[in-house]
Every structure is written in structure tokens, then in C-alpha cells.
Protein backbone atom coordinates (compact mmCIF):
# COMPACT_ATOMS: atom_id res chain seq x y z
CA UNK A 1 122.69 72.13 92.72
CA UNK A 2 123.38 70.41 88.89
CA UNK A 3 126.15 72.03 87.18
CA UNK A 4 126.41 69.18 84.17
CA UNK A 5 125.22 70.58 81.05
CA UNK A 6 121.93 68.79 79.62
CA UNK A 7 121.94 65.81 77.49
CA UNK A 8 121.16 68.07 74.73
CA UNK A 9 123.74 70.34 75.34
CA UNK A 10 126.72 67.87 75.70
CA UNK A 11 125.51 66.12 72.37
CA UNK A 12 125.60 69.81 70.43
CA UNK A 13 129.38 70.47 72.11
CA UNK A 14 130.65 67.15 70.66
CA UNK A 15 129.25 67.71 67.31
CA UNK A 16 130.42 71.36 67.45
CA UNK A 17 134.12 70.39 68.59
CA UNK A 18 134.01 67.79 66.04
CA UNK A 19 133.13 69.95 63.35
CA UNK A 20 135.77 72.35 64.20
CA UNK A 21 138.48 69.82 64.49
CA UNK A 22 137.40 68.31 61.20
CA UNK A 23 136.36 71.13 58.95
CA UNK A 24 137.40 74.86 60.23
CA UNK A 25 140.95 74.25 62.09
CA UNK A 26 142.46 72.76 59.09
CA UNK A 27 141.83 76.07 57.12
CA UNK A 28 143.01 78.44 60.14
CA UNK A 29 146.19 79.12 58.38
CA UNK A 30 144.41 79.79 54.92
CA UNK A 31 142.27 82.43 56.15
CA UNK A 32 145.01 84.17 58.02
CA UNK A 33 146.86 84.27 54.50
CA UNK A 34 143.75 85.12 52.64
CA UNK A 35 143.06 88.42 54.68
CA UNK A 36 146.94 88.95 54.73
CA UNK A 37 146.44 88.82 50.97
CA UNK A 38 143.71 91.12 51.03
CA UNK A 39 140.93 88.80 49.85
CA UNK A 40 138.22 88.94 52.82
CA UNK A 41 136.19 86.66 53.17
CA UNK A 42 138.02 83.74 52.29
CA UNK A 43 136.70 81.96 49.18
CA UNK A 44 136.11 78.86 51.27
CA UNK A 45 133.58 80.49 53.95
CA UNK A 46 130.72 79.97 51.93
CA UNK A 47 131.38 76.34 51.55
CA UNK A 48 132.12 75.82 55.49
CA UNK A 49 128.70 78.12 55.66
CA UNK A 50 126.81 75.91 53.50
CA UNK A 51 128.19 72.45 55.79
CA UNK A 52 127.65 73.95 58.92
CA UNK A 53 123.76 74.46 57.88
CA UNK A 54 123.57 71.18 56.63
CA UNK A 55 125.05 69.63 59.93
CA UNK A 56 122.31 71.57 62.14
CA UNK A 57 124.74 73.83 63.36
CA UNK A 58 123.47 76.98 62.60
CA UNK A 59 121.99 80.08 64.32
CA UNK A 60 122.73 78.60 67.47
CA UNK A 61 122.16 81.74 69.64
CA UNK A 62 118.39 82.53 69.11
CA UNK A 63 116.15 80.95 71.73
CA UNK A 64 113.04 81.73 69.81
CA UNK A 65 112.51 81.28 66.32
CA UNK A 66 109.39 80.31 63.94
CA UNK A 67 108.73 77.25 62.53
CA UNK A 68 109.92 77.99 59.18
CA UNK A 69 113.14 79.71 60.31
CA UNK A 70 116.63 77.76 60.30
CA UNK A 71 117.96 77.65 63.83
CA UNK A 72 118.18 75.00 67.00
CA UNK A 73 115.96 77.27 69.61
CA UNK A 74 118.67 77.00 72.45
CA UNK A 75 117.94 79.31 75.49
CA UNK A 76 120.65 81.53 76.89
CA UNK A 77 122.13 78.59 79.29
CA UNK A 78 122.33 76.02 76.39
CA UNK A 79 124.35 78.49 73.81
CA UNK A 80 126.70 79.65 76.18
CA UNK A 81 129.02 76.84 75.96
CA UNK A 82 128.79 76.52 72.60
CA UNK A 83 129.73 79.96 72.36
CA UNK A 84 132.78 79.20 74.88
CA UNK A 85 133.67 76.56 71.93
CA UNK A 86 133.50 78.80 68.95
CA UNK A 87 135.06 81.71 70.84
CA UNK A 88 138.63 79.67 70.83
CA UNK A 89 138.83 80.54 66.93
CA UNK A 90 137.59 84.01 66.33
CA UNK A 91 136.73 83.78 62.73
CA UNK A 92 134.74 80.48 63.63
CA UNK A 93 131.50 82.32 64.44
CA UNK A 94 130.51 83.35 61.23
CA UNK A 95 130.95 79.80 60.09
CA UNK A 96 127.78 78.73 62.23
CA UNK A 97 126.20 82.31 61.49
CA UNK A 98 126.55 83.11 65.34
CA UNK A 99 128.92 86.40 64.53
CA UNK A 100 128.31 89.68 66.64
CA UNK A 101 127.16 92.17 66.08
CA UNK A 102 124.77 89.92 63.56
CA UNK A 103 123.42 87.79 66.44
CA UNK A 104 122.31 91.12 68.38
CA UNK A 105 120.79 92.70 65.49
CA UNK A 106 118.79 89.21 64.60
CA UNK A 107 117.21 89.19 68.17
CA UNK A 108 116.52 92.88 68.10
CA UNK A 109 114.76 92.40 64.34
CA UNK A 110 113.02 89.11 65.47
CA UNK A 111 111.64 91.06 68.48
CA UNK A 112 110.44 94.13 67.04
CA UNK A 113 110.39 94.08 63.01
CA UNK A 114 107.41 94.42 61.29
CA UNK A 115 106.67 91.57 58.32
CA UNK A 116 108.14 93.59 55.56
CA UNK A 117 111.55 94.70 57.60
CA UNK A 118 111.56 90.89 58.24
CA UNK A 119 111.31 89.88 54.97
CA UNK A 120 113.84 92.61 53.72
CA UNK A 121 116.56 92.27 56.90
CA UNK A 122 115.81 89.31 58.98
CA UNK A 123 115.40 86.69 56.83
CA UNK A 124 118.66 87.06 54.70
CA UNK A 125 120.55 87.52 58.17
CA UNK A 126 119.07 84.16 59.21
CA UNK A 127 119.99 82.52 56.04
CA UNK A 128 123.59 83.64 56.49
CA UNK A 129 123.08 85.62 52.96
CA UNK A 130 124.28 89.23 54.29
CA UNK A 131 125.86 90.96 57.38
CA UNK A 132 125.11 93.85 59.40
CA UNK A 133 126.35 96.20 61.82
CA UNK A 134 124.99 98.03 64.88
CA UNK A 135 125.61 102.15 65.01
CA UNK A 136 125.69 103.49 68.44
CA UNK A 137 128.85 104.41 70.19
CA UNK A 138 129.97 108.43 69.06
CA UNK A 139 133.46 110.29 69.01
CA UNK A 140 132.31 113.51 70.74
CA UNK A 141 130.29 112.33 73.74
CA UNK A 142 130.51 109.60 76.11
CA UNK A 143 128.68 106.80 74.89
CA UNK A 144 128.72 104.63 77.82
CA UNK A 145 125.83 107.15 78.45
CA UNK A 146 123.57 106.98 75.59
CA UNK A 147 121.33 109.88 76.30
CA UNK A 148 124.46 111.81 75.47
CA UNK A 149 124.00 110.43 71.69
CA UNK A 150 124.04 113.13 69.11
CA UNK A 151 123.26 111.66 65.79
CA UNK A 152 119.88 112.72 65.24
CA UNK A 153 116.89 111.61 63.32
CA UNK A 154 113.59 113.87 62.35
CA UNK A 155 110.71 113.40 60.28
CA UNK A 156 110.32 114.90 56.51
CA UNK A 157 106.89 113.66 55.49
CA UNK A 158 106.94 109.87 55.24
CA UNK A 159 110.70 110.14 54.94
CA UNK A 160 113.42 109.91 58.10
CA UNK A 161 116.55 112.49 57.85
CA UNK A 162 119.79 111.13 59.86
CA UNK A 163 122.76 113.43 60.40
CA UNK A 164 125.68 112.24 62.63
CA UNK A 165 128.60 110.71 63.38
CA UNK A 166 129.51 107.12 64.50
CA UNK A 167 132.70 105.12 65.02
CA UNK A 168 134.03 101.86 66.38
CA UNK A 169 131.22 99.95 64.25
CA UNK A 170 131.86 96.35 64.28
CA UNK A 171 131.52 94.70 60.81
CA UNK A 172 130.60 97.73 58.27
CA UNK A 173 133.64 96.81 56.43
CA UNK A 174 132.75 93.39 55.77
CA UNK A 175 132.00 93.30 51.96
CA UNK A 176 128.39 91.25 52.75
CA UNK A 177 127.69 94.10 55.47
CA UNK A 178 124.03 95.69 53.55
CA UNK A 179 122.75 97.51 56.48
CA UNK A 180 122.90 99.21 59.73
CA UNK A 181 120.98 99.60 62.94
CA UNK A 182 121.41 103.07 64.11
CA UNK A 183 121.07 104.34 67.66
CA UNK A 184 119.31 108.07 66.99
CA UNK A 185 118.24 110.92 68.63
CA UNK A 186 114.64 111.42 67.99
CA UNK A 187 111.77 113.35 69.31
CA UNK A 188 110.02 110.87 71.53
CA UNK A 189 108.02 111.67 74.58
CA UNK A 190 109.49 114.75 76.53
CA UNK A 191 107.24 114.13 79.68
CA UNK A 192 108.61 110.00 79.74
CA UNK A 193 112.00 111.39 80.27
CA UNK A 194 115.28 111.36 78.81
CA UNK A 195 115.52 107.35 78.05
CA UNK A 196 112.61 107.77 75.78
CA UNK A 197 113.97 110.14 73.03
CA UNK A 198 115.93 107.16 71.08
CA UNK A 199 114.94 105.25 67.90
CA UNK A 200 116.74 102.76 66.27
CA UNK A 201 116.64 103.37 62.08
CA UNK A 202 117.57 100.68 59.76
CA UNK A 203 119.94 102.03 57.19
CA UNK A 204 121.45 100.70 54.05
CA UNK A 205 125.25 101.07 53.94
CA UNK A 206 124.80 102.00 50.36
CA UNK A 207 122.24 104.83 51.09
CA UNK A 208 123.34 108.30 49.66
CA UNK A 209 124.99 110.19 52.53
CA UNK A 210 126.56 107.35 53.98
CA UNK A 211 130.30 107.70 53.98
CA UNK A 212 132.69 105.07 55.58
CA UNK A 213 135.28 107.10 56.82
CA UNK A 214 137.87 104.57 57.92
CA UNK A 215 138.17 101.09 59.65
CA UNK A 216 140.16 101.79 62.82
CA UNK A 217 142.47 99.74 64.13
CA UNK A 218 142.50 98.66 67.90
CA UNK A 219 145.83 98.57 69.61
CA UNK A 220 147.11 98.25 66.27
CA UNK A 221 145.36 95.45 65.33
CA UNK A 222 143.65 95.92 61.99
CA UNK A 223 139.97 93.86 61.68
CA UNK A 224 139.27 92.89 58.17
CA UNK A 225 135.56 93.25 59.21
CA UNK A 226 136.44 96.71 60.39
CA UNK A 227 135.64 98.74 63.34
CA UNK A 228 134.37 101.99 61.15
CA UNK A 229 134.23 105.43 61.55
CA UNK A 230 130.96 106.42 59.35
CA UNK A 231 129.37 109.91 58.84
CA UNK A 232 125.70 110.09 58.07
CA UNK A 233 125.02 113.37 55.86
CA UNK A 234 121.16 113.70 55.67
CA UNK A 235 120.29 110.51 54.66
CA UNK A 236 117.10 110.02 53.82
CA UNK A 237 115.19 106.40 54.22
CA UNK A 238 111.31 105.81 54.17
CA UNK A 239 109.65 105.90 57.24
CA UNK A 240 109.03 101.98 57.32
CA UNK A 241 112.52 101.69 58.15
CA UNK A 242 112.08 102.76 62.17
CA UNK A 243 112.48 99.72 63.91
CA UNK A 244 110.03 99.30 66.77
CA UNK A 245 108.53 102.40 68.35
CA UNK A 246 109.85 105.72 68.06
CA UNK A 247 111.83 106.68 71.13
CA UNK A 248 111.80 103.11 72.26
CA UNK A 249 115.42 102.83 71.11
CA UNK A 250 117.01 102.93 74.74
CA UNK A 251 114.63 99.92 76.33
CA UNK A 252 115.60 97.88 72.91
CA UNK A 253 118.92 98.60 73.31
CA UNK A 254 118.98 96.94 76.90
CA UNK A 255 116.98 94.04 75.60
CA UNK A 256 119.99 93.66 72.95
CA UNK A 257 122.72 93.72 75.07
CA UNK A 258 121.81 90.97 77.94
CA UNK A 259 122.48 88.15 75.52
CA UNK A 260 124.99 89.87 73.63
CA UNK A 261 127.50 90.29 76.84
CA UNK A 262 126.68 86.44 77.60
CA UNK A 263 128.27 85.40 74.23
CA UNK A 264 130.83 88.10 74.25
CA UNK A 265 132.20 86.37 77.80
CA UNK A 266 131.71 83.00 76.97
CA UNK A 267 133.74 83.53 73.85
CA UNK A 268 136.44 85.23 76.15
CA UNK A 269 136.38 81.84 78.67
CA UNK A 270 137.24 79.92 75.48
CA UNK A 271 140.07 82.09 74.46
CA UNK A 272 141.21 81.75 77.92
CA UNK A 273 140.99 78.07 77.81
CA UNK A 274 143.02 78.13 74.92
CA UNK A 275 145.56 80.15 76.41
CA UNK A 276 145.91 78.17 79.21
CA UNK A 277 146.34 75.22 77.37
CA UNK A 278 148.82 77.09 75.22
CA UNK A 279 150.81 78.25 78.48
CA UNK A 280 151.04 74.56 80.11
CA UNK A 281 152.38 73.23 76.94
CA UNK A 282 154.73 75.86 76.48
CA UNK A 283 155.77 75.47 80.16
CA UNK A 284 156.45 71.58 80.05
CA UNK A 285 158.43 72.35 76.41
CA UNK A 286 160.79 75.44 77.56
CA UNK A 287 163.87 75.02 79.64
CA UNK A 288 165.67 77.85 81.56
CA UNK A 289 168.05 77.62 84.12
CA UNK A 290 168.57 73.91 83.58
CA UNK A 291 164.58 73.23 84.35
CA UNK A 292 161.45 73.30 82.66
CA UNK A 293 159.40 76.50 83.08
CA UNK A 294 156.52 74.00 84.73
CA UNK A 295 158.98 73.55 87.50
CA UNK A 296 159.20 77.23 88.77
CA UNK A 297 156.84 77.83 91.53
CA UNK A 298 155.52 81.38 90.42
CA UNK A 299 154.93 79.80 86.91
CA UNK A 300 152.67 77.04 88.83
CA UNK A 301 151.09 80.03 90.48
CA UNK A 302 150.06 81.68 87.29
CA UNK A 303 148.70 78.04 85.90
CA UNK A 304 146.68 77.45 89.21
CA UNK A 305 145.14 81.13 89.02
CA UNK A 306 144.36 80.67 85.77
CA UNK A 307 142.33 77.94 86.22
CA UNK A 308 140.04 78.94 89.35
CA UNK A 309 139.67 82.44 87.90
CA UNK A 310 138.45 81.02 84.66
CA UNK A 311 136.17 78.58 86.19
CA UNK A 312 134.73 80.87 88.97
CA UNK A 313 133.93 83.22 85.32
CA UNK A 314 132.08 80.80 83.91
CA UNK A 315 130.01 79.81 86.66
CA UNK A 316 129.08 83.40 87.01
CA UNK A 317 128.37 83.92 83.20
CA UNK A 318 126.28 80.67 83.47
CA UNK A 319 123.96 82.10 86.14
CA UNK A 320 123.98 85.46 84.40
CA UNK A 321 122.46 83.23 81.06
CA UNK A 322 120.01 80.95 83.19
CA UNK A 323 118.56 84.40 84.78
CA UNK A 324 117.95 85.94 81.50
CA UNK A 325 116.21 82.49 80.61
CA UNK A 326 113.75 83.20 83.28
CA UNK A 327 112.96 86.72 82.16
CA UNK A 328 109.12 86.46 83.01
CA UNK A 329 109.92 86.55 86.62
CA UNK A 330 110.54 90.37 87.44
CA UNK A 331 112.85 90.04 90.31
CA UNK A 332 115.08 87.55 88.24
CA UNK A 333 115.02 90.27 85.38
CA UNK A 334 116.27 92.79 87.79
CA UNK A 335 118.73 90.70 89.11
CA UNK A 336 119.71 89.28 85.78
CA UNK A 337 120.47 93.21 84.49
CA UNK A 338 123.13 93.46 87.47
CA UNK A 339 124.61 89.75 86.67
CA UNK A 340 125.14 91.22 83.09
CA UNK A 341 127.18 93.90 84.59
CA UNK A 342 129.23 91.69 86.20
CA UNK A 343 130.34 89.51 84.02
CA UNK A 344 131.15 92.09 81.47
CA UNK A 345 133.77 93.23 84.00
CA UNK A 346 134.78 89.94 85.07
CA UNK A 347 135.06 88.49 81.75
CA UNK A 348 137.71 91.47 80.46
CA UNK A 349 139.65 91.18 83.58
CA UNK A 350 140.13 87.62 83.10
CA UNK A 351 141.13 88.06 79.79
CA UNK A 352 143.67 90.48 80.43
CA UNK A 353 144.96 88.24 83.34
CA UNK A 354 145.34 84.86 81.94
CA UNK A 355 146.22 85.89 78.60
CA UNK A 356 149.19 88.07 80.03
CA UNK A 357 150.44 85.09 81.73
CA UNK A 358 150.58 83.34 78.63
CA UNK A 359 152.35 86.04 76.76
CA UNK A 360 154.95 86.11 79.58
CA UNK A 361 155.66 82.49 79.65
CA UNK A 362 155.79 82.36 75.72
CA UNK A 363 158.30 85.47 75.99
CA UNK A 364 158.90 87.50 72.80
CA UNK A 365 157.08 84.89 70.66
CA UNK A 366 153.88 85.76 72.39
CA UNK A 367 154.17 89.50 71.05
CA UNK A 368 154.26 88.01 67.60
CA UNK A 369 151.39 86.73 65.35
CA UNK A 370 152.46 83.32 65.55
CA UNK A 371 150.37 82.64 68.19
CA UNK A 372 147.03 84.00 68.82
CA UNK A 373 147.83 85.45 72.46
CA UNK A 374 148.51 88.98 71.12
CA UNK A 375 145.28 89.32 69.38
CA UNK A 376 143.52 87.64 72.47
CA UNK A 377 145.19 90.42 74.59
CA UNK A 378 144.18 93.05 72.32
CA UNK A 379 140.60 92.02 72.42
CA UNK A 380 140.62 91.55 76.40
CA UNK A 381 142.03 95.14 76.73
CA UNK A 382 139.31 96.02 74.33
CA UNK A 383 136.49 94.64 76.29
CA UNK A 384 137.60 96.69 79.29
CA UNK A 385 135.63 99.45 77.05
CA UNK A 386 133.50 98.05 74.54
CA UNK A 387 129.64 97.61 75.81
CA UNK A 388 130.31 100.21 78.25
CA UNK A 389 133.71 100.65 80.33
CA UNK A 390 134.24 98.56 83.37
CA UNK A 391 133.31 101.68 85.81
CA UNK A 392 129.64 101.97 84.49
CA UNK A 393 129.09 98.14 85.41
CA UNK A 394 130.73 98.42 88.49
CA UNK A 395 128.60 101.40 89.49
CA UNK A 396 125.29 99.16 88.57
CA UNK A 397 126.45 96.34 90.81
CA UNK A 398 127.29 98.54 93.57
CA UNK A 399 123.97 100.20 93.30
CA UNK A 400 122.11 97.01 93.44
CA UNK A 401 124.30 96.54 96.58
CA UNK A 402 123.18 99.68 98.21
CA UNK A 403 119.54 99.25 97.40
CA UNK A 404 119.60 95.55 99.01
CA UNK A 405 121.37 97.47 102.05
CA UNK A 406 118.72 100.24 102.07
CA UNK A 407 115.92 97.94 102.29
CA UNK A 408 117.22 96.03 105.41
CA UNK A 409 119.24 98.70 107.08
CA UNK A 410 119.70 97.85 110.49
CA UNK A 411 119.78 94.14 109.86
CA UNK A 412 123.51 94.05 111.01
CA UNK A 413 123.10 95.62 114.32
CA UNK A 414 123.07 91.96 116.13
CA UNK A 415 126.71 91.52 114.87
CA UNK A 416 128.21 94.33 116.75
CA UNK A 417 129.98 93.77 120.41
CA UNK A 418 129.22 97.34 121.60
CA UNK A 419 129.56 97.48 125.70
CA UNK A 420 125.61 98.11 126.07
CA UNK A 421 125.57 94.86 124.09
CA UNK A 422 127.88 92.69 126.21
CA UNK A 423 125.10 91.89 129.19
CA UNK A 424 124.17 88.56 129.54
CA UNK A 425 122.04 86.91 126.62
CA UNK A 426 118.82 85.58 127.12
CA UNK A 427 118.31 82.21 128.74
CA UNK A 428 117.73 79.60 126.03
CA UNK A 429 114.63 77.25 127.49
């Protein structure tokens, strides 16, 4: 098996790293200062985006683009190592128009938008002129089971009317966020079952009846882009704002989440690589009890365990990306769904473990905003819940294993050494 990135991907990785080192990292301090002063997005962001677009580092995440759409047309496997590089600096993705939740929304629109929706919503997103958000989670139900969703949409003539409450809607507080893709309970086909009763609706953020209640802090971290609570009270939009088929929202959401989780997980791996590098540097500089921290056996184990865990996680995520790219093959598609659940759990566990070790090495400084570690740890803890809690994904992996066992029930019998099996084995001729 060949684990090397293709020459094209290696070249793109080098170009991306050079661009970040030369143009993005020098603005890191200014970005944080601007946000602290309440100026968001910082004024230099548009210049960086224009430069990235001119350098061909734009819309890297979307595999299938039309000839007149800006982007590099990379597969999931090709994009994954680029997401890892961007993940080291959490605000860098927007420079390349590769931010969540816009990436998933663009994928949805690319797959299901009408020509009119394409022109109004997708094209401005692809050009980086606007931002968007995806409204699914709700405060009063377990959103890990989307069949519980209470936000409803119904028809009144040629109008769709929405009522409900959503929260932890990432990106909704961004000043350039212009619309939401809202997952709603709709009529659907009753005979098709509970997974055919949801629809997605495109809702302008400034539509009458849409109220942004608050930007919710996550473990005391306040994101300028927002993780927002939003109320919909008799929100009316044209029926033309229905995305895809009515009742197909659940299946559409599944199509959106696969690549998005690969992106999340590779960004996590990038953050863990940075945390490990910071930890190693710190251990070589810091003295305690007459020697460097790097000389203590337990610290060396933390470093070694972190390297092993990062490399293992990366290989698992890349395999999941490869399987998503083989989507035309039914067995691969089924296994890809299991792999996507697996990497979600592995990445969350990885980030909390590796970053926790790095914070321990840094001591009190690791708890402060002087390093990115406290933010990385906060985001890693959130990953145990967002896009579905670990328990739901572990259940998916376990069910797959049990299905395979049922199909091959009895295949392990020959490995037992029961008394009746201890008679002389057959002669080998």
C-alpha cells in the first residue's frame, strides 16, 4: 500500500504552508486584537481572501465543481491533508473559503439546489461574498436523533411557514452570514417512515420572525462567529426556498455530514500536531528539579503516546476519506458511514488527550490565552458532543460489527478447544 500523498497534493500542501507562513501567521496577533476590540471580521480578511483566490488556494474542499465555478476540484482524500494544515490556525479556513459550516452548506447546495437557488445562494458562497449557517440542533430534544426535531414547516399556498427554536448554530453571528439552512419537521410521506418527514428550507437571516436570541459561549469561550440560539416565529418564505425534495431532509443531512466530519477530524489532527510541537519545545526549554522536563520519563511517554495516537488517527481519517471517494460502490458507501462515525470519536478523544498533556507541560500558562492550547482543549471537548455524541457513533460502529458477526455466526467455532475437539486431527496427506 502507498501511504504517500500524490505529487499534486504534496505541491498543494507546500503552497498552502508557504502562504500561511508568509501571509496569514503574521496577522495572527492582529486578528486576536481586532476581535478583542469588537471588530469582526478584521479589515484585512478580505485582502487575504482575494490573495488566496488569486493564488489558486480557494474552495479546496469541493470535489465536483462546474467549469465556471472557482475551486480546485479535489477529492476528499486529496483535501484532507490540506484541512490538517489549515486546522493549526482556527481562523485560517475562512481565508481559503473552506470554513465550516459553509463547506457543508455549499456541498448541499451543489447537490440539491435549483438553478435559482444556485444563483442566489451558492454562487455568492463560492465567491466568498457571504457566509451561512446550518440550523439543526434544538434545546428541548436530543438532537442526536433528528427524528425528534420539533421545529416545523407547513404550507400556506405558495408560502412555507416555520416555527421553532434552534441553538448552537455555528456561524450565525458572523456579520456576513446571510442565510440559514433550517432542518424542519414537515409532512413528508407517512408510509415511508420517520426518516422521510423532514425538509430543509433556505431562510434569510433577516427574514421577519427570525430572532437571534444570543451567542452562546462554549465552556467560557465566546466565538465571534457565534454558536447561536435562534427562534423562528411564523417565518414566511417562498416555496421556492425548499431545498431538495420535501421529506428528504434526513437523507440530505447524512450526505452533508460525511465529508464535513473528515474536515473536522483533519483540522483536529492539525491542532494536535501543533500541540505536540508546542509541548516538545516547552520540555526542551523548561527546567524543574535540576533537569529539563524532556528528561523525565513520564513526559517522554506523553510525547511518544501523542505521536502514536496522532499518526493512528490520521491513517483512520484518510481511509474514511478514501472510502467516501469510492461512493459509487455500495459496500464501500456502507462501510464509509461506519468509518465516519469511528473517526468522529477517535478525533475527539485524540484532541482532549494530546492537548491535555500539552497543557500539563505548560502548567498555568496552558490555561491562559497566551497559547492556543486552552482553545484547542475547549474545542476538543465540544467535539465529543457536536455532530452527534460519542455514544451514538460508538453504537453505529458496534452495530456494524454485530451485523458482520451475525452473517458469519459459527465461523469462530474452530478456535475453541473443547474436550470433544481434542481428538487426533485429520492426517495431512
